[in-house]
Amino acid sequence: MTTFAIIGAGRNLGAALARRFGREGFDLALISRSQERVDALADELRAEGFTARGYAANVRDPEGLAAALDRASQELGPIEVLSYNPLPQKEFLRPLLESTVGDVRAAVEFSVYGPIAAVHQVLQGMRVLGRGTVLFVNGGSAVQPVQHFAGTSIAFAGETAYAEMLRQAMADEPIHVGQLIIPGGIIAGHAEKDPEVLAEKLWQMHAERGEFRHYATELEEQPY
């Protein structure tokens, strides 16, 4: 089988995604900053009958992220699906007038340089495989800038532009690009924003290969 790589494999959406794609037969490459945490999640998934391995990488380290994806493809098999959904850091959520150049630089490294490095690493393998899917998961500020969350608003806008251009570039190839917008964040138990509901949505985006952008819920107008 081929591999589903999850960048940002935490206990909420990452775990739900792993189980949803794992049920379809994918091997699972779990990537996050903490080797201990991804190893613990991989152990749980293997106990449930899935094939899973954990890889530590910081998305703000492009070389390290590329190396983790390379190891995953060598140890598990070619990466057919890549999901980029790491949880933004708290300093990215500061108001505009309190955000420093360093805050914004870090957010751009996280949400622009990280995806570019990841896609660059897996794209040739998808082309050789003859199919692939790249999924981007963002909050509402990716399409509706909010001055209260300056870092994500600026960096998610860059990530969104990159994802849209990637879709254009892949238009004549069997590689699908999709973006899921989750206004207000992930909420356990919510009818539309529970991790398992969102994982199912992302699975359908991969399987149906339809529109580029999907919304977990409708955007609400943000107060200034």
Protein backbone atom coordinates (compact mmCIF):
# COMPACT_ATOMS: atom_id res chain seq x y z
CA MET A 1 0.00 0.00 0.00
CA THR A 2 0.90 3.63 -0.23
CA THR A 3 1.41 6.09 2.62
CA PHE A 4 -0.64 8.90 4.11
CA ALA A 5 1.66 11.50 5.69
CA ILE A 6 0.17 13.76 8.35
CA ILE A 7 2.18 16.87 9.19
CA GLY A 8 0.82 17.96 12.55
CA ALA A 9 -0.15 14.52 13.84
CA GLY A 10 -1.62 15.37 17.22
CA ARG A 11 -4.28 13.80 19.39
CA ASN A 12 -7.25 15.56 17.80
CA LEU A 13 -7.51 15.96 14.04
CA GLY A 14 -4.24 14.16 13.34
CA ALA A 15 -5.32 11.02 15.17
CA ALA A 16 -8.77 11.09 13.58
CA LEU A 17 -7.22 11.48 10.13
CA ALA A 18 -4.84 8.59 10.75
CA ARG A 19 -7.68 6.28 11.70
CA ARG A 20 -9.91 7.37 8.80
CA PHE A 21 -7.25 6.91 6.13
CA GLY A 22 -5.87 3.85 7.90
CA ARG A 23 -9.25 2.15 7.53
CA GLU A 24 -8.85 2.58 3.78
CA GLY A 25 -5.58 0.66 3.86
CA PHE A 26 -3.03 3.47 3.92
CA ASP A 27 0.17 3.15 5.89
CA LEU A 28 0.50 6.12 8.24
CA ALA A 29 3.46 8.48 8.62
CA LEU A 30 2.91 10.66 11.69
CA ILE A 31 4.97 13.85 11.78
CA SER A 32 5.21 16.40 14.58
CA ARG A 33 7.86 18.13 16.69
CA SER A 34 7.86 15.55 19.50
CA GLN A 35 9.23 12.09 18.76
CA GLU A 36 7.81 10.85 22.05
CA ARG A 37 4.29 11.96 21.18
CA VAL A 38 4.22 10.58 17.65
CA ASP A 39 5.71 7.32 18.88
CA ALA A 40 2.96 7.04 21.49
CA LEU A 41 0.28 7.70 18.87
CA ALA A 42 1.91 5.24 16.48
CA ASP A 43 1.91 2.59 19.23
CA GLU A 44 -1.84 3.10 19.75
CA LEU A 45 -2.56 2.88 16.06
CA ARG A 46 -0.49 -0.27 15.63
CA ALA A 47 -2.38 -1.84 18.55
CA GLU A 48 -5.56 -1.15 16.58
CA GLY A 49 -4.17 -2.96 13.56
CA PHE A 50 -2.84 -0.05 11.50
CA THR A 51 0.66 0.30 10.07
CA ALA A 52 2.06 3.51 11.54
CA ARG A 53 5.40 5.12 12.34
CA GLY A 54 6.29 8.42 13.96
CA TYR A 55 8.82 10.97 12.69
CA ALA A 56 9.94 14.08 14.55
CA ALA A 57 10.30 17.26 12.52
CA ASN A 58 9.76 20.96 13.08
CA VAL A 59 7.89 22.52 10.15
CA ARG A 60 10.03 25.65 10.58
CA ASP A 61 13.07 23.53 9.64
CA PRO A 62 12.57 22.80 5.91
CA GLU A 63 15.54 20.45 5.64
CA GLY A 64 14.46 18.48 8.69
CA LEU A 65 10.89 18.23 7.43
CA ALA A 66 12.02 17.02 4.02
CA ALA A 67 14.29 14.45 5.66
CA ALA A 68 11.41 13.11 7.78
CA LEU A 69 9.21 12.71 4.70
CA ASP A 70 12.05 11.01 2.85
CA ARG A 71 12.50 8.50 5.71
CA ALA A 72 8.77 7.85 5.78
CA SER A 73 8.62 7.08 2.07
CA GLN A 74 11.61 4.76 2.32
CA GLU A 75 10.37 2.90 5.40
CA LEU A 76 6.62 2.77 4.70
CA GLY A 77 6.26 3.26 0.96
CA PRO A 78 5.51 6.07 -1.49
CA ILE A 79 3.49 8.98 -0.10
CA GLU A 80 0.21 9.22 -2.00
CA VAL A 81 -1.57 11.67 0.30
CA LEU A 82 -0.07 14.56 2.27
CA SER A 83 -2.04 16.54 4.84
CA TYR A 84 -0.55 19.78 6.16
CA ASN A 85 -2.37 20.62 9.39
CA PRO A 86 0.02 21.59 12.20
CA LEU A 87 -1.53 23.65 15.01
CA PRO A 88 -0.38 27.30 14.87
CA GLN A 89 1.71 28.56 17.79
CA LYS A 90 0.22 31.02 20.27
CA GLU A 91 2.44 33.92 19.21
CA PHE A 92 0.86 33.77 15.75
CA LEU A 93 -2.45 34.80 17.31
CA ARG A 94 -1.40 38.21 18.63
CA PRO A 95 -3.13 41.42 17.52
CA LEU A 96 -1.53 43.21 14.61
CA LEU A 97 -0.13 46.16 16.58
CA GLU A 98 1.45 43.80 19.13
CA SER A 99 3.05 41.53 16.52
CA THR A 100 6.74 41.91 15.83
CA VAL A 101 8.68 41.13 12.70
CA GLY A 102 9.89 38.01 14.48
CA ASP A 103 6.32 36.87 15.17
CA VAL A 104 5.33 37.28 11.53
CA ARG A 105 8.55 35.70 10.25
CA ALA A 106 7.93 32.65 12.42
CA ALA A 107 4.35 32.38 11.17
CA VAL A 108 5.50 32.56 7.54
CA GLU A 109 8.13 29.89 8.16
CA PHE A 110 5.40 27.74 9.72
CA SER A 111 2.66 28.23 7.12
CA VAL A 112 4.52 29.02 3.88
CA TYR A 113 8.05 27.62 3.97
CA GLY A 114 6.85 24.42 5.66
CA PRO A 115 4.24 23.52 3.02
CA ILE A 116 6.59 24.41 0.18
CA ALA A 117 9.30 22.13 1.59
CA ALA A 118 6.84 19.29 2.19
CA VAL A 119 5.25 19.42 -1.25
CA HIS A 120 8.62 19.72 -2.97
CA GLN A 121 9.73 16.55 -1.18
CA VAL A 122 6.70 14.38 -2.03
CA LEU A 123 5.67 15.66 -5.45
CA GLN A 124 8.07 13.63 -7.58
CA GLY A 125 7.05 10.46 -5.78
CA MET A 126 3.38 11.20 -6.51
CA ARG A 127 4.25 11.75 -10.17
CA VAL A 128 6.04 8.40 -10.32
CA LEU A 129 3.09 6.76 -8.54
CA GLY A 130 0.73 8.33 -11.06
CA ARG A 131 -1.62 9.84 -8.48
CA GLY A 132 -1.62 11.91 -5.32
CA THR A 133 -3.46 14.34 -3.08
CA VAL A 134 -2.22 17.33 -1.12
CA LEU A 135 -4.57 18.62 1.59
CA PHE A 136 -4.21 21.94 3.40
CA VAL A 137 -6.12 22.60 6.63
CA ASN A 138 -6.53 26.20 7.79
CA GLY A 139 -8.58 28.40 10.06
CA GLY A 140 -10.94 31.08 8.86
CA SER A 141 -8.23 33.75 8.80
CA ALA A 142 -6.82 32.04 5.71
CA VAL A 143 -9.60 33.62 3.68
CA GLN A 144 -10.85 36.34 6.06
CA PRO A 145 -7.96 38.34 7.58
CA VAL A 146 -8.56 39.43 11.18
CA GLN A 147 -6.31 42.02 12.80
CA HIS A 148 -6.71 40.27 16.17
CA PHE A 149 -4.81 37.24 14.75
CA ALA A 150 -2.12 38.91 12.69
CA GLY A 151 0.39 36.08 12.30
CA THR A 152 -2.06 33.49 11.05
CA SER A 153 -3.91 36.02 8.89
CA ILE A 154 -0.72 37.00 7.09
CA ALA A 155 0.85 33.56 6.89
CA PHE A 156 -2.35 31.63 6.09
CA ALA A 157 -2.94 34.07 3.22
CA GLY A 158 0.45 33.06 1.84
CA GLU A 159 -0.31 29.38 2.37
CA THR A 160 -3.65 29.80 0.61
CA ALA A 161 -1.99 31.53 -2.36
CA TYR A 162 0.58 28.75 -2.57
CA ALA A 163 -2.12 26.06 -2.41
CA GLU A 164 -4.16 27.76 -5.12
CA MET A 165 -1.11 28.09 -7.38
CA LEU A 166 -0.22 24.45 -6.73
CA ARG A 167 -3.68 23.44 -7.85
CA GLN A 168 -3.20 25.46 -11.04
CA ALA A 169 0.18 23.84 -11.64
CA MET A 170 -1.28 20.34 -11.15
CA ALA A 171 -4.32 20.94 -13.39
CA ASP A 172 -3.02 18.61 -16.11
CA GLU A 173 -1.65 15.98 -13.73
CA PRO A 174 -3.45 13.31 -11.64
CA ILE A 175 -2.60 15.11 -8.40
CA HIS A 176 -5.44 16.75 -6.51
CA VAL A 177 -4.99 19.78 -4.26
CA GLY A 178 -7.62 20.75 -1.69
CA GLN A 179 -8.04 23.14 1.22
CA LEU A 180 -10.36 22.76 4.19
CA ILE A 181 -11.24 25.93 6.11
CA ILE A 182 -12.35 25.41 9.73
CA PRO A 183 -13.80 28.70 11.01
CA GLY A 184 -13.35 29.06 14.76
CA GLY A 185 -11.17 25.97 15.12
CA ILE A 186 -11.72 22.31 15.92
CA ILE A 187 -14.35 21.56 18.59
CA ALA A 188 -14.76 18.05 20.02
CA GLY A 189 -18.39 16.98 19.95
CA HIS A 190 -19.42 19.68 17.47
CA ALA A 191 -21.71 18.42 14.72
CA GLU A 192 -19.52 19.90 11.99
CA LYS A 193 -16.13 20.57 13.60
CA ASP A 194 -15.49 17.44 15.65
CA PRO A 195 -12.17 15.80 14.64
CA GLU A 196 -13.85 12.67 13.28
CA VAL A 197 -16.32 14.72 11.24
CA LEU A 198 -13.46 16.77 9.80
CA ALA A 199 -11.44 13.64 9.07
CA GLU A 200 -14.37 12.25 7.10
CA LYS A 201 -14.63 15.53 5.21
CA LEU A 202 -10.95 15.37 4.29
CA TRP A 203 -11.29 11.75 3.21
CA GLN A 204 -14.15 12.72 0.90
CA MET A 205 -12.05 15.58 -0.50
CA HIS A 206 -9.35 13.05 -1.37
CA ALA A 207 -11.70 10.39 -2.70
CA GLU A 208 -14.00 12.64 -4.74
CA ARG A 209 -11.31 15.06 -5.97
CA GLY A 210 -13.81 17.85 -6.49
CA GLU A 211 -13.57 21.53 -5.67
CA PHE A 212 -10.41 23.08 -4.30
CA ARG A 213 -11.84 24.78 -1.20
CA HIS A 214 -14.29 23.39 1.31
CA TYR A 215 -15.63 24.87 4.54
CA ALA A 216 -16.41 22.99 7.73
CA THR A 217 -18.99 25.70 8.55
CA GLU A 218 -19.97 29.00 7.04
CA LEU A 219 -17.70 31.96 7.74
CA GLU A 220 -19.08 34.51 10.17
CA GLU A 221 -18.33 38.19 9.80
CA GLN A 222 -15.54 39.15 12.19
CA PRO A 223 -15.75 42.31 14.29
CA TYR A 224 -12.83 44.69 13.87
